[in-house]
Every structure is written in C-alpha cells, then in structure tokens.
Amino acid sequence: MDKKIFSYEDACALLPEVQRLTGLAFAEVEALGEDVDETNDDFRRIVSHWAEAVLSLGIEVKGLWLVDFDSGSGYYCWRHPEPSLQFFHGYEEGFRGRVQLN
C-alpha cells in the first residue's frame, strides 16, 4: 500500500470511523476480563483485527489503541479514548514528543 498523507481535515473526517473500530475492539477486550493479557489468543485476535482495519484506512498503528495520521511533515496522533484529534508530533519525536494542537 502506498503511503497516505492526510490533511488535518481529512484525518478529522476519518477519526469517527477509527473511534468506532477502536471502541468495538476495546469493548471486546474488556469483555475478556481483567486477567487477560497480551499472550491470550482472543486478545491477540481482537487487536490484530483492529490493527488490520485501521491499516486498511491508510492510518498507521503505533501501539495498543494508538494511531498516527501521516501529515507529510509528522503525525496527527490519536489514542483511545481521546474525544478528538488534538495532538501532533514530528517523525523523530514519537508519542512522548507530541504537542497539543491549538
């Protein structure tokens, strides 16, 4: 798949679908119970399905419930359960270097 570049508006327009996919997967994982960890087959299946769905939209998966929209100069960064697309970070900074937009 070719690298997809998102304007802020494009990323915001896709965010509701990402939130929907993430919310469903998150609820499935929560339903597994508190003792489930990353070695559980059901956990891995749910997360893998979620990641594939997000990747199919051209969005990068950077961690559990964490996605980046490539802007061409860095990433618009979203993590569940944030209500909107509020953060940006450069290619080198990563999640720890993200800054709030406006």
Protein backbone atom coordinates (compact mmCIF):
# COMPACT_ATOMS: atom_id res chain seq x y z
CA MET A 1 0.00 0.00 0.00
CA ASP A 2 1.26 3.46 -0.87
CA LYS A 3 1.92 5.85 1.95
CA LYS A 4 -1.14 8.00 2.55
CA ILE A 5 -0.81 11.67 3.51
CA PHE A 6 -3.63 13.30 5.46
CA SER A 7 -4.58 16.93 5.82
CA TYR A 8 -5.88 17.75 9.28
CA GLU A 9 -9.39 17.94 7.81
CA ASP A 10 -9.03 14.51 6.16
CA ALA A 11 -7.76 12.98 9.39
CA CYS A 12 -10.63 14.52 11.37
CA ALA A 13 -13.12 13.18 8.83
CA LEU A 14 -11.76 9.63 9.26
CA LEU A 15 -11.46 9.81 13.04
CA PRO A 16 -15.09 8.79 13.77
CA GLU A 17 -14.52 5.51 11.92
CA VAL A 18 -11.26 4.93 13.81
CA GLN A 19 -13.06 5.69 17.08
CA ARG A 20 -15.85 3.26 16.15
CA LEU A 21 -13.43 0.46 15.26
CA THR A 22 -11.35 1.10 18.35
CA GLY A 23 -14.36 1.30 20.66
CA LEU A 24 -15.68 -2.04 19.42
CA ALA A 25 -12.30 -3.75 19.79
CA PHE A 26 -11.71 -2.15 23.20
CA ALA A 27 -15.10 -3.41 24.41
CA GLU A 28 -14.31 -6.92 23.17
CA VAL A 29 -11.02 -6.92 25.06
CA GLU A 30 -12.71 -5.56 28.19
CA ALA A 31 -15.29 -8.38 27.97
CA LEU A 32 -12.47 -10.91 28.20
CA GLY A 33 -11.91 -9.89 31.80
CA GLU A 34 -9.24 -8.24 33.88
CA ASP A 35 -6.87 -11.20 33.94
CA VAL A 36 -6.40 -11.30 30.15
CA ASP A 37 -3.02 -10.14 28.88
CA GLU A 38 -1.23 -9.83 25.57
CA THR A 39 -0.44 -13.56 25.48
CA ASN A 40 -4.13 -14.53 25.31
CA ASP A 41 -5.17 -15.80 21.87
CA ASP A 42 -8.50 -13.96 21.94
CA PHE A 43 -6.76 -10.71 22.91
CA ARG A 44 -4.27 -11.08 20.07
CA ARG A 45 -7.04 -11.92 17.58
CA ILE A 46 -9.10 -8.85 18.56
CA VAL A 47 -6.14 -6.48 18.46
CA SER A 48 -4.89 -7.92 15.18
CA HIS A 49 -8.31 -7.49 13.56
CA TRP A 50 -8.47 -3.90 14.87
CA ALA A 51 -4.98 -3.10 13.56
CA GLU A 52 -5.76 -4.55 10.13
CA ALA A 53 -8.96 -2.48 9.90
CA VAL A 54 -7.11 0.72 10.83
CA LEU A 55 -4.21 -0.01 8.49
CA SER A 56 -6.66 -0.59 5.63
CA LEU A 57 -7.67 3.07 6.00
CA GLY A 58 -4.05 4.17 5.40
CA ILE A 59 -3.55 5.07 9.07
CA GLU A 60 -0.51 3.87 10.99
CA VAL A 61 -0.92 1.80 14.15
CA LYS A 62 1.73 2.82 16.68
CA GLY A 63 0.59 0.87 19.74
CA LEU A 64 -2.41 -0.52 21.51
CA TRP A 65 -5.32 1.82 20.71
CA LEU A 66 -2.81 4.39 19.38
CA VAL A 67 -2.79 5.61 15.78
CA ASP A 68 -0.98 8.19 13.68
CA PHE A 69 -2.19 10.01 10.58
CA ASP A 70 0.82 10.97 8.45
CA SER A 71 0.64 14.66 7.52
CA GLY A 72 3.73 14.69 5.31
CA SER A 73 5.68 16.60 7.98
CA GLY A 74 4.84 14.50 11.04
CA TYR A 75 1.83 12.81 12.56
CA TYR A 76 -1.57 13.75 13.87
CA CYS A 77 -1.73 11.44 16.86
CA TRP A 78 -4.81 9.89 18.49
CA ARG A 79 -5.15 7.49 21.40
CA HIS A 80 -8.32 5.90 22.70
CA PRO A 81 -10.40 7.36 24.40
CA GLU A 82 -9.43 10.90 23.37
CA PRO A 83 -12.55 12.71 22.09
CA SER A 84 -10.92 14.32 19.05
CA LEU A 85 -7.70 14.71 17.10
CA GLN A 86 -5.81 17.01 19.47
CA PHE A 87 -2.09 16.14 19.16
CA PHE A 88 0.77 16.27 16.68
CA HIS A 89 4.36 15.05 16.74
CA GLY A 90 7.23 15.02 14.30
CA TYR A 91 8.63 11.89 12.71
CA GLU A 92 11.51 11.67 15.18
CA GLU A 93 9.77 12.71 18.42
CA GLY A 94 7.23 9.91 18.74
CA PHE A 95 4.40 9.78 21.25
CA ARG A 96 6.42 11.38 24.08
CA GLY A 97 7.09 14.42 21.91
CA ARG A 98 3.53 15.10 20.93
CA VAL A 99 2.17 18.60 21.39
CA GLN A 100 -1.40 19.78 21.68
CA LEU A 101 -2.91 21.42 18.62
CA ASN A 102 -4.39 24.84 19.42
